[in-house]
Amino acid sequence: MAKLFSDAWINELKDAWNNDSEVSDKLADINFSATITCGFKNDDKPTCVFIVDNGKAVSAGLYDGQEPTWDMRASEDDWMKWVNKPLGMTGMGMAYTTGKLKFPTGDFKQMIKTPSMAGPFIKSFALMHKIGAAA
């Protein structure tokens, strides 16, 4: 099992993303393209990056200065908790409201109100669970 946010881990997530029509095809339907970064709350910069073009993840790896469209941050404990038990819509709202999940870049409130984006976003946490992670 790959370490959370390692190059191997984010590439496993990329493959799982592209193989899940509920994520990649649904996002392709709305022409979704973004540079998504993930990392830990107290770090100056994200740990990994995930580039999506028209719904498909076209590259993934360790963060190297890319400008994020979406940047998601949480503590390592919370990320691992969500890898082990993925967030649903209610849990996602609570994680955001309580500050456990932060978005230094990206409009979480707008995204979560947009069903064509919210569904695949929630599903991406299920993909993290599917591939698992080592702390």
C-alpha atoms as a PDB file:
ATOM      1  CA  MET A   1       0.000   0.000   0.000  1.00  0.00           C
ATOM      2  CA  ALA A   2       1.435   3.370  -1.014  1.00  0.00           C
ATOM      3  CA  LYS A   3       2.056   6.187   1.448  1.00  0.00           C
ATOM      4  CA  LEU A   4      -0.624   8.894   1.505  1.00  0.00           C
ATOM      5  CA  PHE A   5       0.146  11.691  -1.008  1.00  0.00           C
ATOM      6  CA  SER A   6       3.272   9.953  -2.343  1.00  0.00           C
ATOM      7  CA  ASP A   7       3.894   9.923  -6.101  1.00  0.00           C
ATOM      8  CA  ALA A   8       2.804   6.266  -6.231  1.00  0.00           C
ATOM      9  CA  TRP A   9      -0.367   6.983  -4.238  1.00  0.00           C
ATOM     10  CA  ILE A  10      -1.532   9.968  -6.281  1.00  0.00           C
ATOM     11  CA  ASN A  11      -0.935   8.006  -9.488  1.00  0.00           C
ATOM     12  CA  GLU A  12      -3.055   5.139  -8.142  1.00  0.00           C
ATOM     13  CA  LEU A  13      -5.770   7.697  -7.459  1.00  0.00           C
ATOM     14  CA  LYS A  14      -5.384   9.054 -11.006  1.00  0.00           C
ATOM     15  CA  ASP A  15      -5.917   5.570 -12.454  1.00  0.00           C
ATOM     16  CA  ALA A  16      -8.900   4.888 -10.179  1.00  0.00           C
ATOM     17  CA  TRP A  17     -10.387   8.286 -11.153  1.00  0.00           C
ATOM     18  CA  ASN A  18     -10.076   7.555 -14.878  1.00  0.00           C
ATOM     19  CA  ASN A  19     -11.557   4.070 -14.466  1.00  0.00           C
ATOM     20  CA  ASP A  20     -14.623   5.325 -12.588  1.00  0.00           C
ATOM     21  CA  SER A  21     -17.294   6.666 -14.927  1.00  0.00           C
ATOM     22  CA  GLU A  22     -19.167   8.237 -11.998  1.00  0.00           C
ATOM     23  CA  VAL A  23     -16.208  10.583 -11.631  1.00  0.00           C
ATOM     24  CA  SER A  24     -14.437  11.052 -14.965  1.00  0.00           C
ATOM     25  CA  ASP A  25     -17.438  10.783 -17.302  1.00  0.00           C
ATOM     26  CA  LYS A  26     -19.668  12.949 -15.104  1.00  0.00           C
ATOM     27  CA  LEU A  27     -16.974  15.634 -14.987  1.00  0.00           C
ATOM     28  CA  ALA A  28     -16.375  15.340 -18.734  1.00  0.00           C
ATOM     29  CA  ASP A  29     -20.091  16.062 -19.217  1.00  0.00           C
ATOM     30  CA  ILE A  30     -19.533  19.508 -17.677  1.00  0.00           C
ATOM     31  CA  ASN A  31     -16.114  20.055 -19.307  1.00  0.00           C
ATOM     32  CA  PHE A  32     -14.417  20.102 -15.896  1.00  0.00           C
ATOM     33  CA  SER A  33     -10.710  20.903 -15.983  1.00  0.00           C
ATOM     34  CA  ALA A  34      -8.638  21.804 -12.931  1.00  0.00           C
ATOM     35  CA  THR A  35      -5.332  21.580 -11.159  1.00  0.00           C
ATOM     36  CA  ILE A  36      -6.094  19.943  -7.808  1.00  0.00           C
ATOM     37  CA  THR A  37      -3.583  19.934  -4.988  1.00  0.00           C
ATOM     38  CA  CYS A  38      -3.729  18.154  -1.635  1.00  0.00           C
ATOM     39  CA  GLY A  39      -1.706  18.424   1.486  1.00  0.00           C
ATOM     40  CA  PHE A  40      -1.587  19.016   5.189  1.00  0.00           C
ATOM     41  CA  LYS A  41      -3.087  22.019   6.994  1.00  0.00           C
ATOM     42  CA  ASN A  42       0.051  23.451   8.526  1.00  0.00           C
ATOM     43  CA  ASP A  43       2.345  23.006   5.513  1.00  0.00           C
ATOM     44  CA  ASP A  44       3.355  26.008   3.430  1.00  0.00           C
ATOM     45  CA  LYS A  45       2.675  24.183   0.176  1.00  0.00           C
ATOM     46  CA  PRO A  46       0.647  21.192  -1.002  1.00  0.00           C
ATOM     47  CA  THR A  47       2.166  17.716  -1.110  1.00  0.00           C
ATOM     48  CA  CYS A  48       0.757  16.369  -4.370  1.00  0.00           C
ATOM     49  CA  VAL A  49      -0.937  17.572  -7.537  1.00  0.00           C
ATOM     50  CA  PHE A  50      -3.564  16.066  -9.800  1.00  0.00           C
ATOM     51  CA  ILE A  51      -4.342  17.639 -13.197  1.00  0.00           C
ATOM     52  CA  VAL A  52      -7.757  17.038 -14.752  1.00  0.00           C
ATOM     53  CA  ASP A  53      -8.572  17.906 -18.360  1.00  0.00           C
ATOM     54  CA  ASN A  54     -12.187  17.558 -19.443  1.00  0.00           C
ATOM     55  CA  GLY A  55     -12.938  15.078 -16.659  1.00  0.00           C
ATOM     56  CA  LYS A  56      -9.880  12.854 -17.172  1.00  0.00           C
ATOM     57  CA  ALA A  57      -6.876  12.899 -14.877  1.00  0.00           C
ATOM     58  CA  VAL A  58      -4.027  13.533 -17.295  1.00  0.00           C
ATOM     59  CA  SER A  59      -1.159  13.728 -14.821  1.00  0.00           C
ATOM     60  CA  ALA A  60      -0.412  13.318 -11.144  1.00  0.00           C
ATOM     61  CA  GLY A  61       2.638  13.566  -8.965  1.00  0.00           C
ATOM     62  CA  LEU A  62       4.399  15.445  -6.232  1.00  0.00           C
ATOM     63  CA  TYR A  63       3.672  19.160  -6.053  1.00  0.00           C
ATOM     64  CA  ASP A  64       6.209  21.229  -7.975  1.00  0.00           C
ATOM     65  CA  GLY A  65       4.878  24.782  -7.930  1.00  0.00           C
ATOM     66  CA  GLN A  66       1.766  24.302 -10.063  1.00  0.00           C
ATOM     67  CA  GLU A  67      -0.948  26.951  -9.570  1.00  0.00           C
ATOM     68  CA  PRO A  68      -3.960  25.136  -8.061  1.00  0.00           C
ATOM     69  CA  THR A  69      -7.562  25.643  -9.054  1.00  0.00           C
ATOM     70  CA  TRP A  70      -8.479  23.618  -5.952  1.00  0.00           C
ATOM     71  CA  ASP A  71      -6.241  23.110  -2.926  1.00  0.00           C
ATOM     72  CA  MET A  72      -7.503  20.785  -0.194  1.00  0.00           C
ATOM     73  CA  ARG A  73      -5.879  20.620   3.232  1.00  0.00           C
ATOM     74  CA  ALA A  74      -6.480  18.606   6.378  1.00  0.00           C
ATOM     75  CA  SER A  75      -4.440  17.020   9.147  1.00  0.00           C
ATOM     76  CA  GLU A  76      -2.784  13.694   8.407  1.00  0.00           C
ATOM     77  CA  ASP A  77      -5.053  12.056  10.999  1.00  0.00           C
ATOM     78  CA  ASP A  78      -8.176  13.374   9.267  1.00  0.00           C
ATOM     79  CA  TRP A  79      -6.963  12.360   5.800  1.00  0.00           C
ATOM     80  CA  MET A  80      -6.265   8.842   7.074  1.00  0.00           C
ATOM     81  CA  LYS A  81      -9.660   8.712   8.796  1.00  0.00           C
ATOM     82  CA  TRP A  82     -11.323   9.611   5.471  1.00  0.00           C
ATOM     83  CA  VAL A  83      -9.221   7.082   3.555  1.00  0.00           C
ATOM     84  CA  ASN A  84     -10.447   4.410   5.982  1.00  0.00           C
ATOM     85  CA  LYS A  85     -14.060   5.639   6.012  1.00  0.00           C
ATOM     86  CA  PRO A  86     -14.867   7.965   3.107  1.00  0.00           C
ATOM     87  CA  LEU A  87     -16.821  11.139   3.621  1.00  0.00           C
ATOM     88  CA  GLY A  88     -20.398  11.362   2.408  1.00  0.00           C
ATOM     89  CA  MET A  89     -22.257  14.594   1.727  1.00  0.00           C
ATOM     90  CA  THR A  90     -23.123  15.234   5.392  1.00  0.00           C
ATOM     91  CA  GLY A  91     -19.646  14.349   6.624  1.00  0.00           C
ATOM     92  CA  MET A  92     -18.110  16.581   3.963  1.00  0.00           C
ATOM     93  CA  GLY A  93     -20.220  19.520   5.109  1.00  0.00           C
ATOM     94  CA  MET A  94     -19.284  18.900   8.740  1.00  0.00           C
ATOM     95  CA  ALA A  95     -15.570  18.554   7.896  1.00  0.00           C
ATOM     96  CA  TYR A  96     -15.678  21.888   6.078  1.00  0.00           C
ATOM     97  CA  THR A  97     -17.807  23.670   8.688  1.00  0.00           C
ATOM     98  CA  THR A  98     -15.591  22.533  11.579  1.00  0.00           C
ATOM     99  CA  GLY A  99     -12.404  23.453   9.714  1.00  0.00           C
ATOM    100  CA  LYS A 100     -11.120  19.884   9.430  1.00  0.00           C
ATOM    101  CA  LEU A 101     -11.138  20.202   5.629  1.00  0.00           C
ATOM    102  CA  LYS A 102      -9.875  23.513   4.297  1.00  0.00           C
ATOM    103  CA  PHE A 103      -9.813  24.938   0.798  1.00  0.00           C
ATOM    104  CA  PRO A 104      -7.133  27.664   0.600  1.00  0.00           C
ATOM    105  CA  THR A 105      -7.965  27.762  -3.127  1.00  0.00           C
ATOM    106  CA  GLY A 106     -11.350  26.874  -4.660  1.00  0.00           C
ATOM    107  CA  ASP A 107     -14.942  27.716  -3.832  1.00  0.00           C
ATOM    108  CA  PHE A 108     -16.200  24.801  -1.732  1.00  0.00           C
ATOM    109  CA  LYS A 109     -19.623  26.364  -1.117  1.00  0.00           C
ATOM    110  CA  GLN A 110     -20.295  26.855  -4.829  1.00  0.00           C
ATOM    111  CA  MET A 111     -19.004  23.380  -5.697  1.00  0.00           C
ATOM    112  CA  ILE A 112     -21.094  21.585  -3.085  1.00  0.00           C
ATOM    113  CA  LYS A 113     -24.238  23.396  -4.319  1.00  0.00           C
ATOM    114  CA  THR A 114     -23.595  22.189  -7.880  1.00  0.00           C
ATOM    115  CA  PRO A 115     -24.763  18.551  -8.140  1.00  0.00           C
ATOM    116  CA  SER A 116     -22.723  17.892 -11.299  1.00  0.00           C
ATOM    117  CA  MET A 117     -19.577  18.707  -9.321  1.00  0.00           C
ATOM    118  CA  ALA A 118     -20.545  17.633  -5.799  1.00  0.00           C
ATOM    119  CA  GLY A 119     -21.339  14.023  -6.724  1.00  0.00           C
ATOM    120  CA  PRO A 120     -17.964  13.298  -8.342  1.00  0.00           C
ATOM    121  CA  PHE A 121     -16.166  15.202  -5.559  1.00  0.00           C
ATOM    122  CA  ILE A 122     -17.773  13.020  -2.885  1.00  0.00           C
ATOM    123  CA  LYS A 123     -17.041   9.942  -5.006  1.00  0.00           C
ATOM    124  CA  SER A 124     -13.349  10.886  -5.136  1.00  0.00           C
ATOM    125  CA  PHE A 125     -13.172  10.223  -1.384  1.00  0.00           C
ATOM    126  CA  ALA A 126     -14.574   6.744  -2.018  1.00  0.00           C
ATOM    127  CA  LEU A 127     -11.761   6.256  -4.549  1.00  0.00           C
ATOM    128  CA  MET A 128      -9.223   7.204  -1.874  1.00  0.00           C
ATOM    129  CA  HIS A 129     -10.786   4.510   0.314  1.00  0.00           C
ATOM    130  CA  LYS A 130     -10.671   2.015  -2.550  1.00  0.00           C
ATOM    131  CA  ILE A 131      -6.920   2.422  -3.085  1.00  0.00           C
ATOM    132  CA  GLY A 132      -6.123   2.793   0.627  1.00  0.00           C
ATOM    133  CA  ALA A 133      -3.018   4.486   2.008  1.00  0.00           C
ATOM    134  CA  ALA A 134      -0.237   4.048   4.495  1.00  0.00           C
ATOM    135  CA  ALA A 135       0.408   6.881   6.948  1.00  0.00           C
END
